[in-house]
Amino acid sequence: MRRALLAVLVLAACSNDAPVDKAAATKATATKAHEKAHATVAPPRVRPTQLTQVTIKALGMYCEESCPLKVRTALADLPAVYELGFDVSNESIFVSYDASLGTPKDVTKPMLVAIKSAGFDPWLAKETWPDGASVQVVQN
């Protein structure tokens, strides 16, 4: 008898006859996700005193979304990369790094290896950026 009563109580507790406000539930879920995203955002990186800017050409980097994503992912573990931008119409990658790390030729070697591992054929094209290059600070 006790088991039957316990089963009835458990079933009654689990069933909810009250109507569910789906809009409120969706809003609450979205709000929690938004708050979680803000809680996990890293603090902004400290800008190096002096930046060196380079343009890397990458043969095969012609798609608007997946190519930059592949390069971003490939360079994500390289702390030298401070800013990163793309001009896929010219297969160009714009990178800035802390000038105290060394010469462009030396500092870009690991970048070129990482970009090659992402499926492109990269080389250091210029030790500058073109006017109007659009870049974003990389959060490591």
C-alpha atoms as a PDB file:
ATOM      1  CA  MET A   1       0.000   0.000   0.000  1.00  0.00           C
ATOM      2  CA  ARG A   2       2.845   2.368   0.867  1.00  0.00           C
ATOM      3  CA  ARG A   3       4.510   1.743  -2.507  1.00  0.00           C
ATOM      4  CA  ALA A   4       1.304   2.502  -4.357  1.00  0.00           C
ATOM      5  CA  LEU A   5       0.817   5.711  -2.387  1.00  0.00           C
ATOM      6  CA  LEU A   6       4.456   6.700  -2.980  1.00  0.00           C
ATOM      7  CA  ALA A   7       4.091   6.037  -6.707  1.00  0.00           C
ATOM      8  CA  VAL A   8       0.955   8.197  -6.847  1.00  0.00           C
ATOM      9  CA  LEU A   9       2.719  11.018  -4.991  1.00  0.00           C
ATOM     10  CA  VAL A  10       5.766  10.850  -7.273  1.00  0.00           C
ATOM     11  CA  LEU A  11       3.612  10.866 -10.399  1.00  0.00           C
ATOM     12  CA  ALA A  12       1.555  13.751  -9.071  1.00  0.00           C
ATOM     13  CA  ALA A  13       4.666  15.737  -8.242  1.00  0.00           C
ATOM     14  CA  CYS A  14       6.160  15.133 -11.701  1.00  0.00           C
ATOM     15  CA  SER A  15       3.045  15.997 -13.648  1.00  0.00           C
ATOM     16  CA  ASN A  16       2.391  19.670 -14.015  1.00  0.00           C
ATOM     17  CA  ASP A  17      -1.139  20.562 -14.969  1.00  0.00           C
ATOM     18  CA  ALA A  18      -0.364  24.279 -14.987  1.00  0.00           C
ATOM     19  CA  PRO A  19      -0.076  25.752 -18.473  1.00  0.00           C
ATOM     20  CA  VAL A  20       3.472  26.498 -19.570  1.00  0.00           C
ATOM     21  CA  ASP A  21       4.221  30.011 -20.765  1.00  0.00           C
ATOM     22  CA  LYS A  22       6.536  29.085 -23.655  1.00  0.00           C
ATOM     23  CA  ALA A  23       7.424  32.698 -24.427  1.00  0.00           C
ATOM     24  CA  ALA A  24       8.525  33.313 -20.832  1.00  0.00           C
ATOM     25  CA  ALA A  25      10.484  30.047 -20.775  1.00  0.00           C
ATOM     26  CA  THR A  26      12.216  30.915 -24.056  1.00  0.00           C
ATOM     27  CA  LYS A  27      13.043  34.426 -22.832  1.00  0.00           C
ATOM     28  CA  ALA A  28      14.423  33.069 -19.553  1.00  0.00           C
ATOM     29  CA  THR A  29      16.602  30.568 -21.426  1.00  0.00           C
ATOM     30  CA  ALA A  30      17.873  33.257 -23.806  1.00  0.00           C
ATOM     31  CA  THR A  31      18.604  35.592 -20.900  1.00  0.00           C
ATOM     32  CA  LYS A  32      20.605  32.901 -19.093  1.00  0.00           C
ATOM     33  CA  ALA A  33      22.588  32.144 -22.267  1.00  0.00           C
ATOM     34  CA  HIS A  34      23.294  35.853 -22.789  1.00  0.00           C
ATOM     35  CA  GLU A  35      24.457  36.280 -19.189  1.00  0.00           C
ATOM     36  CA  LYS A  36      26.667  33.186 -19.462  1.00  0.00           C
ATOM     37  CA  ALA A  37      28.275  34.530 -22.642  1.00  0.00           C
ATOM     38  CA  HIS A  38      29.141  37.800 -20.909  1.00  0.00           C
ATOM     39  CA  ALA A  39      30.496  35.959 -17.887  1.00  0.00           C
ATOM     40  CA  THR A  40      32.951  33.983 -20.043  1.00  0.00           C
ATOM     41  CA  VAL A  41      34.266  36.903 -22.117  1.00  0.00           C
ATOM     42  CA  ALA A  42      37.976  37.435 -21.538  1.00  0.00           C
ATOM     43  CA  PRO A  43      39.187  40.869 -20.505  1.00  0.00           C
ATOM     44  CA  PRO A  44      40.582  42.966 -23.361  1.00  0.00           C
ATOM     45  CA  ARG A  45      44.217  42.358 -24.263  1.00  0.00           C
ATOM     46  CA  VAL A  46      46.788  44.965 -23.355  1.00  0.00           C
ATOM     47  CA  ARG A  47      47.997  46.745 -26.479  1.00  0.00           C
ATOM     48  CA  PRO A  48      51.760  46.372 -26.994  1.00  0.00           C
ATOM     49  CA  THR A  49      53.752  49.611 -26.892  1.00  0.00           C
ATOM     50  CA  GLN A  50      54.765  49.249 -30.531  1.00  0.00           C
ATOM     51  CA  LEU A  51      53.133  47.051 -33.155  1.00  0.00           C
ATOM     52  CA  THR A  52      54.617  45.684 -36.350  1.00  0.00           C
ATOM     53  CA  GLN A  53      52.150  45.199 -39.197  1.00  0.00           C
ATOM     54  CA  VAL A  54      52.595  42.603 -41.924  1.00  0.00           C
ATOM     55  CA  THR A  55      50.597  41.412 -44.906  1.00  0.00           C
ATOM     56  CA  ILE A  56      50.643  37.684 -45.561  1.00  0.00           C
ATOM     57  CA  LYS A  57      49.427  36.347 -48.888  1.00  0.00           C
ATOM     58  CA  ALA A  58      47.691  32.966 -48.813  1.00  0.00           C
ATOM     59  CA  LEU A  59      46.995  31.240 -52.124  1.00  0.00           C
ATOM     60  CA  GLY A  60      43.659  29.469 -52.026  1.00  0.00           C
ATOM     61  CA  MET A  61      42.064  31.837 -49.510  1.00  0.00           C
ATOM     62  CA  TYR A  62      39.142  33.055 -51.585  1.00  0.00           C
ATOM     63  CA  CYS A  63      35.981  32.194 -49.639  1.00  0.00           C
ATOM     64  CA  GLU A  64      34.368  34.908 -47.501  1.00  0.00           C
ATOM     65  CA  GLU A  65      33.535  32.956 -44.338  1.00  0.00           C
ATOM     66  CA  SER A  66      35.212  29.583 -43.976  1.00  0.00           C
ATOM     67  CA  CYS A  67      38.690  30.662 -45.139  1.00  0.00           C
ATOM     68  CA  PRO A  68      39.110  33.429 -42.528  1.00  0.00           C
ATOM     69  CA  LEU A  69      37.663  31.075 -39.907  1.00  0.00           C
ATOM     70  CA  LYS A  70      40.258  28.419 -40.795  1.00  0.00           C
ATOM     71  CA  VAL A  71      43.064  30.983 -40.525  1.00  0.00           C
ATOM     72  CA  ARG A  72      41.721  32.402 -37.225  1.00  0.00           C
ATOM     73  CA  THR A  73      41.559  28.880 -35.814  1.00  0.00           C
ATOM     74  CA  ALA A  74      45.071  28.077 -37.052  1.00  0.00           C
ATOM     75  CA  LEU A  75      46.517  31.256 -35.501  1.00  0.00           C
ATOM     76  CA  ALA A  76      44.507  31.070 -32.259  1.00  0.00           C
ATOM     77  CA  ASP A  77      47.299  29.393 -30.295  1.00  0.00           C
ATOM     78  CA  LEU A  78      49.980  31.878 -31.369  1.00  0.00           C
ATOM     79  CA  PRO A  79      50.239  34.577 -28.686  1.00  0.00           C
ATOM     80  CA  ALA A  80      52.297  36.796 -31.014  1.00  0.00           C
ATOM     81  CA  VAL A  81      49.199  37.642 -33.094  1.00  0.00           C
ATOM     82  CA  TYR A  82      47.622  40.834 -31.725  1.00  0.00           C
ATOM     83  CA  GLU A  83      45.356  41.993 -34.583  1.00  0.00           C
ATOM     84  CA  LEU A  84      44.051  40.036 -37.535  1.00  0.00           C
ATOM     85  CA  GLY A  85      42.171  41.025 -40.674  1.00  0.00           C
ATOM     86  CA  PHE A  86      41.394  39.660 -44.126  1.00  0.00           C
ATOM     87  CA  ASP A  87      40.947  40.724 -47.731  1.00  0.00           C
ATOM     88  CA  VAL A  88      39.869  37.497 -49.415  1.00  0.00           C
ATOM     89  CA  SER A  89      39.488  39.196 -52.796  1.00  0.00           C
ATOM     90  CA  ASN A  90      43.284  39.619 -52.761  1.00  0.00           C
ATOM     91  CA  GLU A  91      44.020  36.474 -50.689  1.00  0.00           C
ATOM     92  CA  SER A  92      45.581  38.709 -48.017  1.00  0.00           C
ATOM     93  CA  ILE A  93      45.859  38.362 -44.257  1.00  0.00           C
ATOM     94  CA  PHE A  94      46.734  41.406 -42.150  1.00  0.00           C
ATOM     95  CA  VAL A  95      48.528  40.692 -38.873  1.00  0.00           C
ATOM     96  CA  SER A  96      49.996  42.908 -36.189  1.00  0.00           C
ATOM     97  CA  TYR A  97      52.261  41.758 -33.388  1.00  0.00           C
ATOM     98  CA  ASP A  98      54.401  43.195 -30.594  1.00  0.00           C
ATOM     99  CA  ALA A  99      57.452  44.705 -32.336  1.00  0.00           C
ATOM    100  CA  SER A 100      59.706  43.650 -29.445  1.00  0.00           C
ATOM    101  CA  LEU A 101      59.257  39.993 -30.466  1.00  0.00           C
ATOM    102  CA  GLY A 102      61.611  40.323 -33.431  1.00  0.00           C
ATOM    103  CA  THR A 103      61.785  40.865 -37.159  1.00  0.00           C
ATOM    104  CA  PRO A 104      58.811  40.151 -39.404  1.00  0.00           C
ATOM    105  CA  LYS A 105      60.694  37.305 -41.073  1.00  0.00           C
ATOM    106  CA  ASP A 106      61.348  35.563 -37.735  1.00  0.00           C
ATOM    107  CA  VAL A 107      58.019  36.260 -36.029  1.00  0.00           C
ATOM    108  CA  THR A 108      55.877  35.235 -39.017  1.00  0.00           C
ATOM    109  CA  LYS A 109      57.560  31.815 -39.464  1.00  0.00           C
ATOM    110  CA  PRO A 110      55.193  30.054 -37.014  1.00  0.00           C
ATOM    111  CA  MET A 111      52.261  31.985 -38.505  1.00  0.00           C
ATOM    112  CA  LEU A 112      53.120  30.753 -41.994  1.00  0.00           C
ATOM    113  CA  VAL A 113      53.388  27.167 -40.730  1.00  0.00           C
ATOM    114  CA  ALA A 114      49.989  27.450 -39.013  1.00  0.00           C
ATOM    115  CA  ILE A 115      48.335  28.984 -42.096  1.00  0.00           C
ATOM    116  CA  LYS A 116      49.835  26.249 -44.289  1.00  0.00           C
ATOM    117  CA  SER A 117      48.408  23.626 -41.910  1.00  0.00           C
ATOM    118  CA  ALA A 118      44.989  25.233 -42.490  1.00  0.00           C
ATOM    119  CA  GLY A 119      45.294  24.371 -46.189  1.00  0.00           C
ATOM    120  CA  PHE A 120      46.683  27.534 -47.768  1.00  0.00           C
ATOM    121  CA  ASP A 121      49.997  28.403 -49.423  1.00  0.00           C
ATOM    122  CA  PRO A 122      51.219  31.455 -47.441  1.00  0.00           C
ATOM    123  CA  TRP A 123      54.178  33.808 -47.684  1.00  0.00           C
ATOM    124  CA  LEU A 124      55.192  37.122 -46.145  1.00  0.00           C
ATOM    125  CA  ALA A 125      54.223  39.644 -48.824  1.00  0.00           C
ATOM    126  CA  LYS A 126      54.823  43.033 -47.168  1.00  0.00           C
ATOM    127  CA  GLU A 127      56.020  44.465 -43.896  1.00  0.00           C
ATOM    128  CA  THR A 128      53.086  46.897 -43.907  1.00  0.00           C
ATOM    129  CA  TRP A 129      49.317  46.981 -44.348  1.00  0.00           C
ATOM    130  CA  PRO A 130      47.502  48.693 -47.183  1.00  0.00           C
ATOM    131  CA  ASP A 131      45.586  51.866 -46.334  1.00  0.00           C
ATOM    132  CA  GLY A 132      42.159  51.035 -44.952  1.00  0.00           C
ATOM    133  CA  ALA A 133      43.000  47.497 -43.803  1.00  0.00           C
ATOM    134  CA  SER A 134      40.250  46.266 -41.495  1.00  0.00           C
ATOM    135  CA  VAL A 135      41.444  44.263 -38.464  1.00  0.00           C
ATOM    136  CA  GLN A 136      40.239  43.110 -35.065  1.00  0.00           C
ATOM    137  CA  VAL A 137      42.130  42.461 -31.840  1.00  0.00           C
ATOM    138  CA  VAL A 138      42.547  38.720 -31.284  1.00  0.00           C
ATOM    139  CA  GLN A 139      41.451  37.465 -27.865  1.00  0.00           C
ATOM    140  CA  ASN A 140      43.783  34.684 -26.690  1.00  0.00           C
END
